[in-house]
PDB file of N, CA and C in Angstrom:
ATOM      1  N   MET A   1       0.831  -1.151  -0.017  1.00  0.00           N
ATOM      2  CA  MET A   1      -0.036   0.025   0.045  1.00  0.00           C
ATOM      3  C   MET A   1       0.864   1.276  -0.013  1.00  0.00           C
ATOM      4  N   LYS A   2       0.531   2.207  -0.918  1.00  0.00           N
ATOM      5  CA  LYS A   2       1.378   3.385  -1.063  1.00  0.00           C
ATOM      6  C   LYS A   2       0.788   4.452  -0.048  1.00  0.00           C
ATOM      7  N   VAL A   3       1.744   5.103   0.596  1.00  0.00           N
ATOM      8  CA  VAL A   3       1.413   6.112   1.553  1.00  0.00           C
ATOM      9  C   VAL A   3       1.331   7.481   0.814  1.00  0.00           C
ATOM     10  N   MET A   4       0.228   8.149   1.017  1.00  0.00           N
ATOM     11  CA  MET A   4      -0.007   9.492   0.330  1.00  0.00           C
ATOM     12  C   MET A   4       0.581  10.572   1.277  1.00  0.00           C
ATOM     13  N   ASN A   5       1.334  11.432   0.741  1.00  0.00           N
ATOM     14  CA  ASN A   5       1.759  12.611   1.580  1.00  0.00           C
ATOM     15  C   ASN A   5       1.386  13.891   0.896  1.00  0.00           C
ATOM     16  N   ASN A   6       1.420  14.940   1.531  1.00  0.00           N
ATOM     17  CA  ASN A   6       0.876  16.239   1.068  1.00  0.00           C
ATOM     18  C   ASN A   6       1.632  16.805  -0.119  1.00  0.00           C
ATOM     19  N   GLU A   7       2.928  16.495  -0.192  1.00  0.00           N
ATOM     20  CA  GLU A   7       3.786  17.065  -1.232  1.00  0.00           C
ATOM     21  C   GLU A   7       3.641  16.086  -2.497  1.00  0.00           C
ATOM     22  N   SER A   8       3.466  16.622  -3.614  1.00  0.00           N
ATOM     23  CA  SER A   8       3.339  15.930  -4.837  1.00  0.00           C
ATOM     24  C   SER A   8       4.805  15.500  -5.297  1.00  0.00           C
ATOM     25  N   ASP A   9       4.858  14.544  -6.149  1.00  0.00           N
ATOM     26  CA  ASP A   9       6.238  14.101  -6.692  1.00  0.00           C
ATOM     27  C   ASP A   9       6.934  15.225  -7.469  1.00  0.00           C
ATOM     28  N   GLU A  10       6.047  16.010  -8.127  1.00  0.00           N
ATOM     29  CA  GLU A  10       6.633  17.093  -9.039  1.00  0.00           C
ATOM     30  C   GLU A  10       7.298  18.193  -8.148  1.00  0.00           C
ATOM     31  N   SER A  11       6.871  18.400  -6.967  1.00  0.00           N
ATOM     32  CA  SER A  11       7.440  19.407  -6.136  1.00  0.00           C
ATOM     33  C   SER A  11       8.886  18.914  -5.622  1.00  0.00           C
ATOM     34  N   LYS A  12       9.114  17.628  -5.713  1.00  0.00           N
ATOM     35  CA  LYS A  12      10.379  17.137  -5.126  1.00  0.00           C
ATOM     36  C   LYS A  12      11.413  17.154  -6.260  1.00  0.00           C
ATOM     37  N   GLU A  13      10.952  17.291  -7.488  1.00  0.00           N
ATOM     38  CA  GLU A  13      12.004  17.379  -8.628  1.00  0.00           C
ATOM     39  C   GLU A  13      12.737  18.649  -8.571  1.00  0.00           C
ATOM     40  N   ARG A  14      13.961  18.494  -9.000  1.00  0.00           N
ATOM     41  CA  ARG A  14      14.899  19.558  -8.905  1.00  0.00           C
ATOM     42  C   ARG A  14      14.541  20.675  -9.910  1.00  0.00           C
ATOM     43  N   GLU A  15      14.597  21.959  -9.546  1.00  0.00           N
ATOM     44  CA  GLU A  15      14.310  23.070 -10.454  1.00  0.00           C
ATOM     45  C   GLU A  15      15.645  23.411 -11.164  1.00  0.00           C
ATOM     46  N   GLU A  16      15.572  23.571 -12.433  1.00  0.00           N
ATOM     47  CA  GLU A  16      16.742  23.957 -13.241  1.00  0.00           C
ATOM     48  C   GLU A  16      16.591  25.439 -13.784  1.00  0.00           C
ATOM     49  N   ILE A  17      17.630  26.121 -13.695  1.00  0.00           N
ATOM     50  CA  ILE A  17      17.635  27.539 -14.231  1.00  0.00           C
ATOM     51  C   ILE A  17      18.375  27.457 -15.525  1.00  0.00           C
ATOM     52  N   LEU A  18      17.695  27.859 -16.603  1.00  0.00           N
ATOM     53  CA  LEU A  18      18.292  27.918 -17.862  1.00  0.00           C
ATOM     54  C   LEU A  18      18.745  29.309 -18.236  1.00  0.00           C
ATOM     55  N   LEU A  19      20.074  29.381 -18.641  1.00  0.00           N
ATOM     56  CA  LEU A  19      20.573  30.641 -19.047  1.00  0.00           C
ATOM     57  C   LEU A  19      20.603  30.726 -20.564  1.00  0.00           C
ATOM     58  N   VAL A  20      20.259  31.836 -21.088  1.00  0.00           N
ATOM     59  CA  VAL A  20      20.285  32.069 -22.534  1.00  0.00           C
ATOM     60  C   VAL A  20      21.437  33.005 -22.853  1.00  0.00           C
ATOM     61  N   LYS A  21      22.376  32.589 -23.699  1.00  0.00           N
ATOM     62  CA  LYS A  21      23.540  33.389 -24.027  1.00  0.00           C
ATOM     63  C   LYS A  21      23.319  33.880 -25.438  1.00  0.00           C
ATOM     64  N   ASN A  22      23.308  35.235 -25.538  1.00  0.00           N
ATOM     65  CA  ASN A  22      23.143  35.880 -26.876  1.00  0.00           C
ATOM     66  C   ASN A  22      24.415  35.646 -27.694  1.00  0.00           C
ATOM     67  N   PRO A  23      24.211  35.438 -28.926  1.00  0.00           N
ATOM     68  CA  PRO A  23      25.387  35.111 -29.808  1.00  0.00           C
ATOM     69  C   PRO A  23      26.198  36.372 -30.032  1.00  0.00           C
ATOM     70  N   GLU A  24      27.485  36.201 -30.228  1.00  0.00           N
ATOM     71  CA  GLU A  24      28.343  37.362 -30.586  1.00  0.00           C
ATOM     72  C   GLU A  24      28.441  37.534 -32.066  1.00  0.00           C
ATOM     73  N   PHE A  25      28.111  38.729 -32.469  1.00  0.00           N
ATOM     74  CA  PHE A  25      28.145  38.980 -33.905  1.00  0.00           C
ATOM     75  C   PHE A  25      29.451  39.501 -34.453  1.00  0.00           C
ATOM     76  N   SER A  26      29.753  39.288 -35.713  1.00  0.00           N
ATOM     77  CA  SER A  26      30.945  39.727 -36.344  1.00  0.00           C
ATOM     78  C   SER A  26      31.025  41.262 -36.484  1.00  0.00           C
ATOM     79  N   GLU A  27      32.240  41.746 -36.724  1.00  0.00           N
ATOM     80  CA  GLU A  27      32.374  43.122 -37.011  1.00  0.00           C
ATOM     81  C   GLU A  27      32.127  43.419 -38.568  1.00  0.00           C
ATOM     82  N   TRP A  28      31.995  42.370 -39.304  1.00  0.00           N
ATOM     83  CA  TRP A  28      31.689  42.525 -40.721  1.00  0.00           C
ATOM     84  C   TRP A  28      30.185  42.600 -40.871  1.00  0.00           C
ATOM     85  N   GLN A  29      29.800  43.401 -41.909  1.00  0.00           N
ATOM     86  CA  GLN A  29      28.411  43.470 -42.293  1.00  0.00           C
ATOM     87  C   GLN A  29      28.306  43.478 -43.778  1.00  0.00           C
ATOM     88  N   GLY A  30      27.367  42.763 -44.351  1.00  0.00           N
ATOM     89  CA  GLY A  30      27.184  42.667 -45.761  1.00  0.00           C
ATOM     90  C   GLY A  30      26.035  43.615 -46.171  1.00  0.00           C
ATOM     91  N   LEU A  31      26.339  44.484 -47.137  1.00  0.00           N
ATOM     92  CA  LEU A  31      25.295  45.410 -47.683  1.00  0.00           C
ATOM     93  C   LEU A  31      24.756  44.758 -48.936  1.00  0.00           C
ATOM     94  N   MET A  32      23.615  44.108 -48.782  1.00  0.00           N
ATOM     95  CA  MET A  32      23.014  43.289 -49.850  1.00  0.00           C
ATOM     96  C   MET A  32      22.035  43.960 -50.764  1.00  0.00           C
ATOM     97  N   PHE A  33      22.086  43.557 -52.011  1.00  0.00           N
ATOM     98  CA  PHE A  33      21.091  43.865 -53.070  1.00  0.00           C
ATOM     99  C   PHE A  33      20.854  45.346 -53.163  1.00  0.00           C
ATOM    100  N   GLY A  34      21.811  46.128 -53.575  1.00  0.00           N
ATOM    101  CA  GLY A  34      21.762  47.551 -53.865  1.00  0.00           C
ATOM    102  C   GLY A  34      21.676  48.446 -52.653  1.00  0.00           C
ATOM    103  N   ASN A  35      22.168  47.960 -51.503  1.00  0.00           N
ATOM    104  CA  ASN A  35      22.187  48.799 -50.287  1.00  0.00           C
ATOM    105  C   ASN A  35      23.233  49.936 -50.479  1.00  0.00           C
ATOM    106  N   LYS A  36      22.816  51.154 -50.410  1.00  0.00           N
ATOM    107  CA  LYS A  36      23.662  52.325 -50.412  1.00  0.00           C
ATOM    108  C   LYS A  36      23.819  52.964 -49.089  1.00  0.00           C
ATOM    109  N   GLY A  37      23.487  52.338 -48.050  1.00  0.00           N
ATOM    110  CA  GLY A  37      23.584  52.850 -46.730  1.00  0.00           C
ATOM    111  C   GLY A  37      22.303  52.836 -45.878  1.00  0.00           C
ATOM    112  N   ASN A  38      21.225  53.272 -46.560  1.00  0.00           N
ATOM    113  CA  ASN A  38      19.968  53.361 -45.797  1.00  0.00           C
ATOM    114  C   ASN A  38      18.836  52.690 -46.440  1.00  0.00           C
ATOM    115  N   ASP A  39      19.081  51.900 -47.464  1.00  0.00           N
ATOM    116  CA  ASP A  39      17.982  51.073 -48.129  1.00  0.00           C
ATOM    117  C   ASP A  39      18.643  49.753 -48.494  1.00  0.00           C
ATOM    118  N   GLY A  40      17.828  48.798 -48.678  1.00  0.00           N
ATOM    119  CA  GLY A  40      18.320  47.376 -48.960  1.00  0.00           C
ATOM    120  C   GLY A  40      18.408  46.579 -47.712  1.00  0.00           C
ATOM    121  N   LEU A  41      19.309  45.578 -47.699  1.00  0.00           N
ATOM    122  CA  LEU A  41      19.284  44.598 -46.634  1.00  0.00           C
ATOM    123  C   LEU A  41      20.746  44.521 -46.098  1.00  0.00           C
ATOM    124  N   VAL A  42      20.870  44.587 -44.775  1.00  0.00           N
ATOM    125  CA  VAL A  42      22.146  44.486 -44.049  1.00  0.00           C
ATOM    126  C   VAL A  42      22.202  43.184 -43.375  1.00  0.00           C
ATOM    127  N   TRP A  43      23.272  42.375 -43.581  1.00  0.00           N
ATOM    128  CA  TRP A  43      23.432  41.022 -42.964  1.00  0.00           C
ATOM    129  C   TRP A  43      24.683  41.046 -42.116  1.00  0.00           C
ATOM    130  N   ARG A  44      24.600  40.697 -40.889  1.00  0.00           N
ATOM    131  CA  ARG A  44      25.732  40.577 -39.993  1.00  0.00           C
ATOM    132  C   ARG A  44      25.792  39.117 -39.509  1.00  0.00           C
ATOM    133  N   PRO A  45      26.852  38.392 -39.953  1.00  0.00           N
ATOM    134  CA  PRO A  45      26.983  37.026 -39.601  1.00  0.00           C
ATOM    135  C   PRO A  45      27.519  36.894 -38.132  1.00  0.00           C
ATOM    136  N   LEU A  46      27.454  35.681 -37.552  1.00  0.00           N
ATOM    137  CA  LEU A  46      28.030  35.408 -36.283  1.00  0.00           C
ATOM    138  C   LEU A  46      29.553  35.522 -36.314  1.00  0.00           C
ATOM    139  N   LYS A  47      30.173  35.818 -35.161  1.00  0.00           N
ATOM    140  CA  LYS A  47      31.584  35.948 -35.068  1.00  0.00           C
ATOM    141  C   LYS A  47      32.230  34.603 -35.455  1.00  0.00           C
ATOM    142  N   GLY A  48      33.202  34.635 -36.351  1.00  0.00           N
ATOM    143  CA  GLY A  48      33.841  33.455 -36.888  1.00  0.00           C
ATOM    144  C   GLY A  48      33.198  32.870 -38.144  1.00  0.00           C
ATOM    145  N   GLY A  49      32.016  33.376 -38.546  1.00  0.00           N
ATOM    146  CA  GLY A  49      31.272  32.865 -39.651  1.00  0.00           C
ATOM    147  C   GLY A  49      31.340  33.868 -40.868  1.00  0.00           C
ATOM    148  N   GLU A  50      32.228  34.789 -40.800  1.00  0.00           N
ATOM    149  CA  GLU A  50      32.390  35.773 -41.932  1.00  0.00           C
ATOM    150  C   GLU A  50      32.935  35.133 -43.125  1.00  0.00           C
ATOM    151  N   PRO A  51      32.473  35.632 -44.287  1.00  0.00           N
ATOM    152  CA  PRO A  51      33.076  35.063 -45.545  1.00  0.00           C
ATOM    153  C   PRO A  51      34.488  35.517 -45.746  1.00  0.00           C
ATOM    154  N   ASN A  52      35.299  34.711 -46.420  1.00  0.00           N
ATOM    155  CA  ASN A  52      36.653  35.068 -46.678  1.00  0.00           C
ATOM    156  C   ASN A  52      36.766  36.045 -47.801  1.00  0.00           C
ATOM    157  N   TRP A  53      37.905  36.439 -48.239  1.00  0.00           N
ATOM    158  CA  TRP A  53      38.196  37.479 -49.196  1.00  0.00           C
ATOM    159  C   TRP A  53      37.470  37.097 -50.550  1.00  0.00           C
ATOM    160  N   PHE A  54      37.795  35.760 -50.971  1.00  0.00           N
ATOM    161  CA  PHE A  54      37.277  35.314 -52.233  1.00  0.00           C
ATOM    162  C   PHE A  54      35.693  35.396 -52.272  1.00  0.00           C
ATOM    163  N   TRP A  55      35.073  34.919 -51.208  1.00  0.00           N
ATOM    164  CA  TRP A  55      33.598  34.934 -51.203  1.00  0.00           C
ATOM    165  C   TRP A  55      33.069  36.352 -51.263  1.00  0.00           C
ATOM    166  N   ARG A  56      33.695  37.280 -50.502  1.00  0.00           N
ATOM    167  CA  ARG A  56      33.229  38.627 -50.495  1.00  0.00           C
ATOM    168  C   ARG A  56      33.373  39.213 -51.928  1.00  0.00           C
ATOM    169  N   LYS A  57      34.452  39.030 -52.585  1.00  0.00           N
ATOM    170  CA  LYS A  57      34.788  39.592 -53.880  1.00  0.00           C
ATOM    171  C   LYS A  57      33.729  38.951 -54.908  1.00  0.00           C
ATOM    172  N   MET A  58      33.466  37.686 -54.865  1.00  0.00           N
ATOM    173  CA  MET A  58      32.570  37.115 -55.737  1.00  0.00           C
ATOM    174  C   MET A  58      31.111  37.645 -55.495  1.00  0.00           C
ATOM    175  N   GLN A  59      30.755  37.861 -54.239  1.00  0.00           N
ATOM    176  CA  GLN A  59      29.452  38.381 -54.083  1.00  0.00           C
ATOM    177  C   GLN A  59      29.372  39.836 -54.611  1.00  0.00           C
ATOM    178  N   TYR A  60      30.439  40.535 -54.492  1.00  0.00           N
ATOM    179  CA  TYR A  60      30.484  41.925 -55.097  1.00  0.00           C
ATOM    180  C   TYR A  60      30.404  41.924 -56.628  1.00  0.00           C
ATOM    181  N   LEU A  61      31.114  41.031 -57.219  1.00  0.00           N
ATOM    182  CA  LEU A  61      31.098  40.934 -58.663  1.00  0.00           C
ATOM    183  C   LEU A  61      29.858  40.474 -59.275  1.00  0.00           C
ATOM    184  N   ILE A  62      29.246  39.480 -58.642  1.00  0.00           N
ATOM    185  CA  ILE A  62      27.991  38.794 -59.273  1.00  0.00           C
ATOM    186  C   ILE A  62      26.765  39.479 -58.784  1.00  0.00           C
ATOM    187  N   LEU A  63      26.679  39.757 -57.497  1.00  0.00           N
ATOM    188  CA  LEU A  63      25.405  40.295 -56.889  1.00  0.00           C
ATOM    189  C   LEU A  63      25.459  41.754 -56.570  1.00  0.00           C
ATOM    190  N   GLY A  64      26.636  42.283 -56.583  1.00  0.00           N
ATOM    191  CA  GLY A  64      26.680  43.749 -56.190  1.00  0.00           C
ATOM    192  C   GLY A  64      26.731  43.961 -54.656  1.00  0.00           C
ATOM    193  N   SER A  65      26.867  42.918 -53.892  1.00  0.00           N
ATOM    194  CA  SER A  65      26.822  43.005 -52.344  1.00  0.00           C
ATOM    195  C   SER A  65      28.231  43.426 -51.993  1.00  0.00           C
ATOM    196  N   LYS A  66      28.274  44.453 -51.093  1.00  0.00           N
ATOM    197  CA  LYS A  66      29.562  44.912 -50.576  1.00  0.00           C
ATOM    198  C   LYS A  66      29.674  44.569 -49.072  1.00  0.00           C
ATOM    199  N   TRP A  67      30.854  44.125 -48.701  1.00  0.00           N
ATOM    200  CA  TRP A  67      31.165  43.796 -47.358  1.00  0.00           C
ATOM    201  C   TRP A  67      32.066  44.817 -46.741  1.00  0.00           C
ATOM    202  N   VAL A  68      31.622  45.400 -45.540  1.00  0.00           N
ATOM    203  CA  VAL A  68      32.475  46.406 -44.907  1.00  0.00           C
ATOM    204  C   VAL A  68      32.572  46.019 -43.375  1.00  0.00           C
ATOM    205  N   LYS A  69      33.700  46.534 -42.802  1.00  0.00           N
ATOM    206  CA  LYS A  69      33.770  46.352 -41.352  1.00  0.00           C
ATOM    207  C   LYS A  69      33.093  47.487 -40.663  1.00  0.00           C
ATOM    208  N   ASP A  70      32.520  47.160 -39.502  1.00  0.00           N
ATOM    209  CA  ASP A  70      31.810  48.110 -38.780  1.00  0.00           C
ATOM    210  C   ASP A  70      32.741  49.245 -38.291  1.00  0.00           C
ATOM    211  N   PRO A  71      32.437  50.486 -38.674  1.00  0.00           N
ATOM    212  CA  PRO A  71      33.309  51.598 -38.176  1.00  0.00           C
ATOM    213  C   PRO A  71      33.457  51.740 -36.665  1.00  0.00           C
ATOM    214  N   LYS A  72      32.414  51.283 -35.885  1.00  0.00           N
ATOM    215  CA  LYS A  72      32.405  51.292 -34.485  1.00  0.00           C
ATOM    216  C   LYS A  72      33.513  50.347 -33.921  1.00  0.00           C
ATOM    217  N   GLU A  73      33.636  49.163 -34.534  1.00  0.00           N
ATOM    218  CA  GLU A  73      34.635  48.185 -34.087  1.00  0.00           C
ATOM    219  C   GLU A  73      36.038  48.794 -34.386  1.00  0.00           C
ATOM    220  N   LYS A  74      36.267  49.439 -35.451  1.00  0.00           N
ATOM    221  CA  LYS A  74      37.599  49.954 -35.751  1.00  0.00           C
ATOM    222  C   LYS A  74      37.996  50.997 -34.723  1.00  0.00           C
ATOM    223  N   SER A  75      37.042  51.879 -34.363  1.00  0.00           N
ATOM    224  CA  SER A  75      37.422  52.944 -33.371  1.00  0.00           C
ATOM    225  C   SER A  75      37.654  52.321 -31.996  1.00  0.00           C
ATOM    226  N   ASP A  76      37.036  51.235 -31.665  1.00  0.00           N
ATOM    227  CA  ASP A  76      37.271  50.557 -30.379  1.00  0.00           C
ATOM    228  C   ASP A  76      38.653  49.930 -30.316  1.00  0.00           C
ATOM    229  N   GLU A  77      39.130  49.382 -31.445  1.00  0.00           N
ATOM    230  CA  GLU A  77      40.396  48.714 -31.513  1.00  0.00           C
ATOM    231  C   GLU A  77      41.543  49.672 -31.304  1.00  0.00           C
ATOM    232  N   ARG A  78      41.292  50.942 -31.824  1.00  0.00           N
ATOM    233  CA  ARG A  78      42.388  51.903 -31.772  1.00  0.00           C
ATOM    234  C   ARG A  78      42.587  52.403 -30.299  1.00  0.00           C
ATOM    235  N   ASN A  79      41.538  52.496 -29.453  1.00  0.00           N
ATOM    236  CA  ASN A  79      41.675  52.978 -28.133  1.00  0.00           C
ATOM    237  C   ASN A  79      42.210  51.979 -27.204  1.00  0.00           C
TER     238      ASN A  79
END
């Protein structure tokens, strides 16, 4: 015979705290599809996932997409 107690089995389970870590974005940003600065699409990949020189050049030649480093990141590195 099972003894019933006031506490449910669920309350005895361990509570877990889940932490969400925001991804770190790259200092590179891709100005896609005719972006002249304030129109078009801006894409910023995750840090370490930036395209290499060849990939950036081919995107520029074929699609007109320009890759630039964020000017904020450059100023932070100098200080």
